[in-house]
C-alpha atoms as a PDB file:
ATOM      1  CA  MET A   1      43.737  97.266  70.315  1.00  0.00           C
ATOM      2  CA  ASN A   2      46.081  94.412  69.402  1.00  0.00           C
ATOM      3  CA  LEU A   3      47.832  94.508  66.066  1.00  0.00           C
ATOM      4  CA  PRO A   4      48.884  91.302  64.376  1.00  0.00           C
ATOM      5  CA  MET A   5      52.555  90.556  64.649  1.00  0.00           C
ATOM      6  CA  PRO A   6      54.425  90.961  61.364  1.00  0.00           C
ATOM      7  CA  PRO A   7      55.832  87.712  60.019  1.00  0.00           C
ATOM      8  CA  ASP A   8      59.411  86.909  60.953  1.00  0.00           C
ATOM      9  CA  PRO A   9      61.752  88.279  58.325  1.00  0.00           C
ATOM     10  CA  LYS A  10      63.558  85.644  56.350  1.00  0.00           C
ATOM     11  CA  LEU A  11      67.086  84.960  57.430  1.00  0.00           C
ATOM     12  CA  LYS A  12      69.750  85.183  54.733  1.00  0.00           C
ATOM     13  CA  LEU A  13      72.425  82.626  53.961  1.00  0.00           C
ATOM     14  CA  LEU A  14      75.301  83.108  51.508  1.00  0.00           C
ATOM     15  CA  VAL A  15      77.413  80.266  50.092  1.00  0.00           C
ATOM     16  CA  LEU A  16      80.871  81.276  48.856  1.00  0.00           C
ATOM     17  CA  CYS A  17      83.394  79.551  46.641  1.00  0.00           C
ATOM     18  CA  THR A  18      86.041  80.751  44.235  1.00  0.00           C
ATOM     19  CA  GLY A  19      84.326  80.566  40.835  1.00  0.00           C
ATOM     20  CA  ASN A  20      80.678  80.208  41.911  1.00  0.00           C
ATOM     21  CA  SER A  21      80.501  77.579  39.199  1.00  0.00           C
ATOM     22  CA  ALA A  22      79.931  74.239  40.943  1.00  0.00           C
ATOM     23  CA  ARG A  23      80.190  73.689  44.722  1.00  0.00           C
ATOM     24  CA  SER A  24      78.541  76.938  45.801  1.00  0.00           C
ATOM     25  CA  GLN A  25      75.867  76.646  43.106  1.00  0.00           C
ATOM     26  CA  MET A  26      75.012  73.080  44.156  1.00  0.00           C
ATOM     27  CA  ALA A  27      75.017  74.127  47.822  1.00  0.00           C
ATOM     28  CA  GLU A  28      72.678  77.036  47.058  1.00  0.00           C
ATOM     29  CA  GLY A  29      70.183  74.675  45.437  1.00  0.00           C
ATOM     30  CA  LEU A  30      70.477  72.130  48.241  1.00  0.00           C
ATOM     31  CA  PHE A  31      70.100  74.786  50.961  1.00  0.00           C
ATOM     32  CA  ARG A  32      67.021  76.235  49.261  1.00  0.00           C
ATOM     33  CA  HIS A  33      65.493  72.781  49.062  1.00  0.00           C
ATOM     34  CA  ALA A  34      66.336  71.862  52.678  1.00  0.00           C
ATOM     35  CA  LEU A  35      65.616  75.173  54.423  1.00  0.00           C
ATOM     36  CA  GLY A  36      62.371  75.965  52.671  1.00  0.00           C
ATOM     37  CA  SER A  37      60.844  79.384  53.093  1.00  0.00           C
ATOM     38  CA  ARG A  38      62.660  80.213  56.349  1.00  0.00           C
ATOM     39  CA  PHE A  39      65.821  81.396  54.552  1.00  0.00           C
ATOM     40  CA  GLU A  40      66.765  83.390  51.498  1.00  0.00           C
ATOM     41  CA  VAL A  41      69.759  81.578  50.015  1.00  0.00           C
ATOM     42  CA  PHE A  42      72.356  83.030  47.663  1.00  0.00           C
ATOM     43  CA  SER A  43      75.727  81.954  46.303  1.00  0.00           C
ATOM     44  CA  ALA A  44      78.680  83.911  45.013  1.00  0.00           C
ATOM     45  CA  GLY A  45      82.341  83.621  44.131  1.00  0.00           C
ATOM     46  CA  THR A  46      85.503  85.518  44.890  1.00  0.00           C
ATOM     47  CA  LYS A  47      86.384  85.145  41.177  1.00  0.00           C
ATOM     48  CA  PRO A  48      83.077  84.327  39.443  1.00  0.00           C
ATOM     49  CA  SER A  49      83.099  82.443  36.161  1.00  0.00           C
ATOM     50  CA  LEU A  50      80.155  80.421  34.817  1.00  0.00           C
ATOM     51  CA  VAL A  51      77.817  77.745  36.125  1.00  0.00           C
ATOM     52  CA  ARG A  52      79.201  74.370  35.099  1.00  0.00           C
ATOM     53  CA  PRO A  53      76.866  72.228  32.961  1.00  0.00           C
ATOM     54  CA  GLU A  54      77.830  69.177  35.044  1.00  0.00           C
ATOM     55  CA  ALA A  55      76.520  70.927  38.184  1.00  0.00           C
ATOM     56  CA  ILE A  56      73.254  71.714  36.410  1.00  0.00           C
ATOM     57  CA  ALA A  57      72.954  68.086  35.219  1.00  0.00           C
ATOM     58  CA  VAL A  58      73.615  66.359  38.555  1.00  0.00           C
ATOM     59  CA  MET A  59      71.309  68.723  40.445  1.00  0.00           C
ATOM     60  CA  ALA A  60      68.537  68.072  37.911  1.00  0.00           C
ATOM     61  CA  GLU A  61      68.808  64.391  38.917  1.00  0.00           C
ATOM     62  CA  LEU A  62      67.516  65.494  42.340  1.00  0.00           C
ATOM     63  CA  GLY A  63      64.794  67.692  40.853  1.00  0.00           C
ATOM     64  CA  ILE A  64      66.685  70.908  41.680  1.00  0.00           C
ATOM     65  CA  ASP A  65      66.906  73.291  38.736  1.00  0.00           C
ATOM     66  CA  LEU A  66      70.075  75.371  38.418  1.00  0.00           C
ATOM     67  CA  ALA A  67      69.548  76.161  34.743  1.00  0.00           C
ATOM     68  CA  GLY A  68      68.579  79.770  35.451  1.00  0.00           C
ATOM     69  CA  HIS A  69      71.491  80.397  37.822  1.00  0.00           C
ATOM     70  CA  ARG A  70      74.374  82.701  36.994  1.00  0.00           C
ATOM     71  CA  SER A  71      77.794  83.037  38.535  1.00  0.00           C
ATOM     72  CA  LYS A  72      77.864  86.090  40.828  1.00  0.00           C
ATOM     73  CA  SER A  73      80.610  88.081  42.528  1.00  0.00           C
ATOM     74  CA  VAL A  74      80.693  88.308  46.301  1.00  0.00           C
ATOM     75  CA  ASP A  75      80.920  92.070  45.750  1.00  0.00           C
ATOM     76  CA  GLU A  76      77.195  92.033  44.849  1.00  0.00           C
ATOM     77  CA  PHE A  77      76.432  91.046  48.445  1.00  0.00           C
ATOM     78  CA  LEU A  78      78.751  93.292  50.450  1.00  0.00           C
ATOM     79  CA  GLY A  79      76.908  95.327  53.042  1.00  0.00           C
ATOM     80  CA  GLN A  80      73.995  92.893  53.242  1.00  0.00           C
ATOM     81  CA  ASP A  81      73.032  91.264  56.512  1.00  0.00           C
ATOM     82  CA  PHE A  82      73.537  87.480  56.397  1.00  0.00           C
ATOM     83  CA  ARG A  83      72.803  85.179  59.307  1.00  0.00           C
ATOM     84  CA  TYR A  84      75.250  82.624  57.893  1.00  0.00           C
ATOM     85  CA  VAL A  85      78.083  82.708  55.381  1.00  0.00           C
ATOM     86  CA  VAL A  86      79.183  79.221  54.340  1.00  0.00           C
ATOM     87  CA  THR A  87      82.467  78.811  52.488  1.00  0.00           C
ATOM     88  CA  VAL A  88      82.767  75.569  50.528  1.00  0.00           C
ATOM     89  CA  CYS A  89      86.379  75.813  49.392  1.00  0.00           C
ATOM     90  CA  ASP A  90      89.586  76.731  51.185  1.00  0.00           C
ATOM     91  CA  ASN A  91      90.432  79.606  48.849  1.00  0.00           C
ATOM     92  CA  ALA A  92      87.093  81.323  49.502  1.00  0.00           C
ATOM     93  CA  LYS A  93      87.601  80.913  53.247  1.00  0.00           C
ATOM     94  CA  GLU A  94      90.947  82.692  53.043  1.00  0.00           C
ATOM     95  CA  SER A  95      89.676  85.550  50.862  1.00  0.00           C
ATOM     96  CA  CYS A  96      86.175  85.910  52.334  1.00  0.00           C
ATOM     97  CA  PRO A  97      85.277  89.537  52.970  1.00  0.00           C
ATOM     98  CA  VAL A  98      84.355  90.669  56.447  1.00  0.00           C
ATOM     99  CA  PHE A  99      80.660  90.519  57.267  1.00  0.00           C
ATOM    100  CA  PRO A 100      78.954  91.958  60.368  1.00  0.00           C
ATOM    101  CA  SER A 101      79.851  90.344  63.682  1.00  0.00           C
ATOM    102  CA  GLN A 102      76.470  88.618  64.079  1.00  0.00           C
ATOM    103  CA  THR A 103      77.095  86.635  60.886  1.00  0.00           C
ATOM    104  CA  GLY A 104      77.827  82.987  61.597  1.00  0.00           C
ATOM    105  CA  ARG A 105      80.773  81.814  59.522  1.00  0.00           C
ATOM    106  CA  ILE A 106      80.887  78.147  58.577  1.00  0.00           C
ATOM    107  CA  HIS A 107      83.599  76.450  56.520  1.00  0.00           C
ATOM    108  CA  TRP A 108      83.168  73.167  54.706  1.00  0.00           C
ATOM    109  CA  SER A 109      86.098  72.093  52.545  1.00  0.00           C
ATOM    110  CA  PHE A 110      85.078  70.151  49.440  1.00  0.00           C
ATOM    111  CA  GLU A 111      87.206  68.961  46.549  1.00  0.00           C
ATOM    112  CA  ASP A 112      86.657  70.920  43.331  1.00  0.00           C
ATOM    113  CA  PRO A 113      84.769  68.639  40.915  1.00  0.00           C
ATOM    114  CA  ALA A 114      85.501  71.090  38.085  1.00  0.00           C
ATOM    115  CA  ALA A 115      89.192  70.163  38.392  1.00  0.00           C
ATOM    116  CA  VAL A 116      88.474  66.533  37.456  1.00  0.00           C
ATOM    117  CA  GLU A 117      89.458  65.746  33.884  1.00  0.00           C
ATOM    118  CA  GLY A 118      88.382  62.929  31.623  1.00  0.00           C
ATOM    119  CA  PRO A 119      85.298  61.741  29.796  1.00  0.00           C
ATOM    120  CA  GLU A 120      81.891  63.191  30.627  1.00  0.00           C
ATOM    121  CA  GLU A 121      80.886  60.212  32.784  1.00  0.00           C
ATOM    122  CA  VAL A 122      84.038  60.588  34.926  1.00  0.00           C
ATOM    123  CA  ARG A 123      83.455  64.320  35.402  1.00  0.00           C
ATOM    124  CA  GLU A 124      79.760  63.833  36.227  1.00  0.00           C
ATOM    125  CA  ALA A 125      80.657  61.111  38.742  1.00  0.00           C
ATOM    126  CA  ALA A 126      82.917  63.610  40.525  1.00  0.00           C
ATOM    127  CA  PHE A 127      80.117  66.196  40.552  1.00  0.00           C
ATOM    128  CA  ARG A 128      77.677  63.605  41.971  1.00  0.00           C
ATOM    129  CA  ARG A 129      80.118  62.649  44.722  1.00  0.00           C
ATOM    130  CA  ILE A 130      80.664  66.266  45.772  1.00  0.00           C
ATOM    131  CA  ARG A 131      76.924  67.010  45.453  1.00  0.00           C
ATOM    132  CA  ASP A 132      76.174  64.135  47.813  1.00  0.00           C
ATOM    133  CA  GLN A 133      78.827  65.292  50.301  1.00  0.00           C
ATOM    134  CA  ILE A 134      77.363  68.801  50.279  1.00  0.00           C
ATOM    135  CA  ALA A 135      73.818  67.403  50.605  1.00  0.00           C
ATOM    136  CA  ALA A 136      74.809  65.456  53.744  1.00  0.00           C
ATOM    137  CA  ARG A 137      76.247  68.610  55.353  1.00  0.00           C
ATOM    138  CA  VAL A 138      73.204  70.682  54.369  1.00  0.00           C
ATOM    139  CA  GLN A 139      70.835  68.077  55.837  1.00  0.00           C
ATOM    140  CA  ASP A 140      72.848  68.039  59.079  1.00  0.00           C
ATOM    141  CA  PHE A 141      72.734  71.861  59.178  1.00  0.00           C
ATOM    142  CA  ALA A 142      68.950  71.888  58.639  1.00  0.00           C
ATOM    143  CA  HIS A 143      68.522  69.228  61.315  1.00  0.00           C
ATOM    144  CA  LYS A 144      70.557  71.259  63.825  1.00  0.00           C
ATOM    145  CA  LEU A 145      68.294  74.248  63.111  1.00  0.00           C
ATOM    146  CA  GLY A 146      65.269  72.034  63.735  1.00  0.00           C
ATOM    147  CA  LEU A 147      64.077  72.355  60.144  1.00  0.00           C
ATOM    148  CA  LYS A 148      64.394  68.670  59.145  1.00  0.00           C
END
């Protein structure tokens, strides 16, 4: 008697940054959009703060809703099995905890749009620029996995 094969378990991907307020939150949304149901995607910070309203606004322009997101500590994810851990800022790369050896570690260095000062339109322009840089990397990643 042949039993049906169980479905492949979803692979997990974690995006890390310092505050989990902008870059990692935008990357989480972009990864979820690009990787579809094949991956479970999470984001966290080494020093979590709050999700920046500018990140929520510029992601909404792409139809990706971050409004329900919260800033999370990387400590919430210790001991979990991730296929990939993607750091999106240099500080997170340096202070990233150790994950199991089969975890693929990827580092993408992006400027912090939250550090940009000035009027709202200047700050949002910085968030759009970084969002678009992250989106290009995420699309390339998905393409290399054969998902796009």
